[in-house]
C-alpha atoms as a PDB file:
ATOM      1  CA  MET A   1     -23.718  -5.936   3.825  1.00  0.00           C
ATOM      2  CA  LYS A   2     -23.214  -9.624   4.398  1.00  0.00           C
ATOM      3  CA  ARG A   3     -19.870 -11.269   4.524  1.00  0.00           C
ATOM      4  CA  ASP A   4     -19.224 -13.681   1.566  1.00  0.00           C
ATOM      5  CA  GLU A   5     -16.633 -16.389   1.900  1.00  0.00           C
ATOM      6  CA  ARG A   6     -16.355 -16.683  -1.971  1.00  0.00           C
ATOM      7  CA  VAL A   7     -15.507 -12.974  -2.156  1.00  0.00           C
ATOM      8  CA  ILE A   8     -12.838 -13.507   0.524  1.00  0.00           C
ATOM      9  CA  TYR A   9     -11.405 -16.388  -1.141  1.00  0.00           C
ATOM     10  CA  ARG A  10     -11.154 -14.801  -4.387  1.00  0.00           C
ATOM     11  CA  ILE A  11      -9.340 -11.768  -2.755  1.00  0.00           C
ATOM     12  CA  LEU A  12      -7.028 -13.940  -0.707  1.00  0.00           C
ATOM     13  CA  LYS A  13      -6.260 -16.141  -3.809  1.00  0.00           C
ATOM     14  CA  LYS A  14      -5.514 -13.111  -6.097  1.00  0.00           C
ATOM     15  CA  ILE A  15      -3.164 -11.532  -3.336  1.00  0.00           C
ATOM     16  CA  GLU A  16      -1.342 -14.856  -2.986  1.00  0.00           C
ATOM     17  CA  GLU A  17      -0.850 -15.148  -6.750  1.00  0.00           C
ATOM     18  CA  GLU A  18       0.200 -11.742  -7.491  1.00  0.00           C
ATOM     19  CA  SER A  19       2.366 -10.682  -4.320  1.00  0.00           C
ATOM     20  CA  ASN A  20       6.266 -10.766  -4.778  1.00  0.00           C
ATOM     21  CA  ILE A  21       9.271  -9.442  -3.215  1.00  0.00           C
ATOM     22  CA  GLU A  22      10.052  -6.915  -6.027  1.00  0.00           C
ATOM     23  CA  GLN A  23       6.528  -5.503  -5.368  1.00  0.00           C
ATOM     24  CA  PHE A  24       7.310  -4.926  -1.578  1.00  0.00           C
ATOM     25  CA  ASP A  25      10.491  -3.062  -2.578  1.00  0.00           C
ATOM     26  CA  ASN A  26       8.755  -0.589  -4.829  1.00  0.00           C
ATOM     27  CA  TYR A  27       5.780  -0.229  -2.616  1.00  0.00           C
ATOM     28  CA  GLU A  28       3.394  -1.376  -5.348  1.00  0.00           C
ATOM     29  CA  SER A  29      -0.052  -2.588  -4.198  1.00  0.00           C
ATOM     30  CA  ILE A  30      -2.065  -5.352  -5.750  1.00  0.00           C
ATOM     31  CA  SER A  31      -5.031  -4.402  -7.926  1.00  0.00           C
ATOM     32  CA  LEU A  32      -8.039  -6.155  -6.731  1.00  0.00           C
ATOM     33  CA  SER A  33     -10.667  -5.523  -9.473  1.00  0.00           C
ATOM     34  CA  PHE A  34     -13.043  -8.409 -10.555  1.00  0.00           C
ATOM     35  CA  ASP A  35     -15.327  -8.245 -13.455  1.00  0.00           C
ATOM     36  CA  ASP A  36     -18.249 -10.129 -11.734  1.00  0.00           C
ATOM     37  CA  ILE A  37     -17.821  -8.476  -8.243  1.00  0.00           C
ATOM     38  CA  ASP A  38     -18.969  -4.892  -7.419  1.00  0.00           C
ATOM     39  CA  GLN A  39     -15.991  -2.838  -6.265  1.00  0.00           C
ATOM     40  CA  ASP A  40     -17.774  -1.699  -3.123  1.00  0.00           C
ATOM     41  CA  ILE A  41     -18.362  -5.425  -2.123  1.00  0.00           C
ATOM     42  CA  VAL A  42     -14.608  -5.956  -2.711  1.00  0.00           C
ATOM     43  CA  LYS A  43     -13.708  -2.911  -0.597  1.00  0.00           C
ATOM     44  CA  TYR A  44     -16.048  -4.029   2.294  1.00  0.00           C
ATOM     45  CA  HIS A  45     -14.315  -7.321   2.409  1.00  0.00           C
ATOM     46  CA  LEU A  46     -10.855  -5.889   2.259  1.00  0.00           C
ATOM     47  CA  ILE A  47     -11.838  -3.837   5.291  1.00  0.00           C
ATOM     48  CA  LEU A  48     -12.929  -7.271   6.996  1.00  0.00           C
ATOM     49  CA  LEU A  49      -9.554  -8.718   6.109  1.00  0.00           C
ATOM     50  CA  THR A  50      -7.846  -5.679   7.570  1.00  0.00           C
ATOM     51  CA  ASP A  51      -9.760  -6.235  10.813  1.00  0.00           C
ATOM     52  CA  THR A  52      -8.832  -9.825  11.044  1.00  0.00           C
ATOM     53  CA  ASN A  53      -5.096  -9.252  10.168  1.00  0.00           C
ATOM     54  CA  LEU A  54      -5.390 -11.721   7.183  1.00  0.00           C
ATOM     55  CA  VAL A  55      -3.784  -9.331   4.768  1.00  0.00           C
ATOM     56  CA  ASP A  56      -0.878  -6.880   5.327  1.00  0.00           C
ATOM     57  CA  PHE A  57      -1.523  -3.404   3.648  1.00  0.00           C
ATOM     58  CA  TYR A  58       0.630  -0.478   3.159  1.00  0.00           C
ATOM     59  CA  LEU A  59       0.276   2.393   5.648  1.00  0.00           C
ATOM     60  CA  PHE A  60      -1.130   5.846   4.633  1.00  0.00           C
ATOM     61  CA  ASP A  61      -0.772   8.463   7.556  1.00  0.00           C
ATOM     62  CA  ASN A  62       0.022   5.594   9.878  1.00  0.00           C
ATOM     63  CA  LYS A  63      -2.979   3.827   9.093  1.00  0.00           C
ATOM     64  CA  ARG A  64      -3.410   0.517   7.351  1.00  0.00           C
ATOM     65  CA  ASN A  65      -4.994   1.300   3.898  1.00  0.00           C
ATOM     66  CA  PRO A  66      -7.352  -1.347   2.585  1.00  0.00           C
ATOM     67  CA  ASP A  67      -7.095   0.033  -0.983  1.00  0.00           C
ATOM     68  CA  ARG A  68      -3.325  -0.868  -0.840  1.00  0.00           C
ATOM     69  CA  PRO A  69      -3.075  -4.599  -0.200  1.00  0.00           C
ATOM     70  CA  LYS A  70       0.533  -5.845  -0.048  1.00  0.00           C
ATOM     71  CA  ARG A  71       0.617  -9.564   0.864  1.00  0.00           C
ATOM     72  CA  LEU A  72      -1.250 -12.317   2.947  1.00  0.00           C
ATOM     73  CA  THR A  73      -0.044 -12.690   6.530  1.00  0.00           C
ATOM     74  CA  LEU A  74       0.551 -16.168   7.830  1.00  0.00           C
ATOM     75  CA  SER A  75      -2.991 -16.219   9.132  1.00  0.00           C
ATOM     76  CA  GLY A  76      -4.119 -15.206   5.702  1.00  0.00           C
ATOM     77  CA  HIS A  77      -2.435 -18.198   4.104  1.00  0.00           C
ATOM     78  CA  ASP A  78      -3.821 -20.442   6.749  1.00  0.00           C
ATOM     79  CA  TYR A  79      -7.332 -19.214   6.096  1.00  0.00           C
ATOM     80  CA  LEU A  80      -6.944 -19.467   2.364  1.00  0.00           C
ATOM     81  CA  ASP A  81      -6.023 -23.088   2.845  1.00  0.00           C
ATOM     82  CA  HIS A  82      -8.928 -23.589   5.084  1.00  0.00           C
ATOM     83  CA  LEU A  83     -11.265 -22.235   2.367  1.00  0.00           C
ATOM     84  CA  ARG A  84      -9.645 -24.409  -0.245  1.00  0.00           C
ATOM     85  CA  GLU A  85     -10.088 -27.549   1.804  1.00  0.00           C
ATOM     86  CA  LYS A  86     -13.700 -26.516   2.653  1.00  0.00           C
ATOM     87  CA  TYR A  87     -14.762 -26.056  -0.773  1.00  0.00           C
ATOM     88  CA  SER A  88     -12.656 -28.599  -2.574  1.00  0.00           C
ATOM     89  CA  HIS A  89     -14.506 -31.615  -4.048  1.00  0.00           C
ATOM     90  CA  ASN A  90     -12.554 -34.310  -5.820  1.00  0.00           C
ATOM     91  CA  GLY A  91      -9.543 -32.171  -6.238  1.00  0.00           C
ATOM     92  CA  LYS A  92     -11.644 -29.243  -7.818  1.00  0.00           C
ATOM     93  CA  SER A  93     -12.443 -26.067  -5.993  1.00  0.00           C
ATOM     94  CA  GLY A  94     -16.251 -25.750  -5.615  1.00  0.00           C
ATOM     95  CA  ILE A  95     -16.062 -22.106  -4.488  1.00  0.00           C
ATOM     96  CA  TYR A  96     -15.469 -20.461  -7.921  1.00  0.00           C
END
């Protein structure tokens, strides 16, 4: 499977938009489901985001669980900003 920056952008953006402190206190993960992206593709990209420490996940059996994203890391915010800048044209996002 190929890495797709558009998928990464949408995942990071959704996590940024939906994460909040109350969710952390209740150990609630963010649901990452997209009508136009196959769930296997989303899961693969979540694994990539785990590998690169762009997203923090809840632990399951002392392992990071890509099915339970919690929040963006500082590097995740920086990479999302990079993608926004890279694909922005005249103030509009050209990525999706």
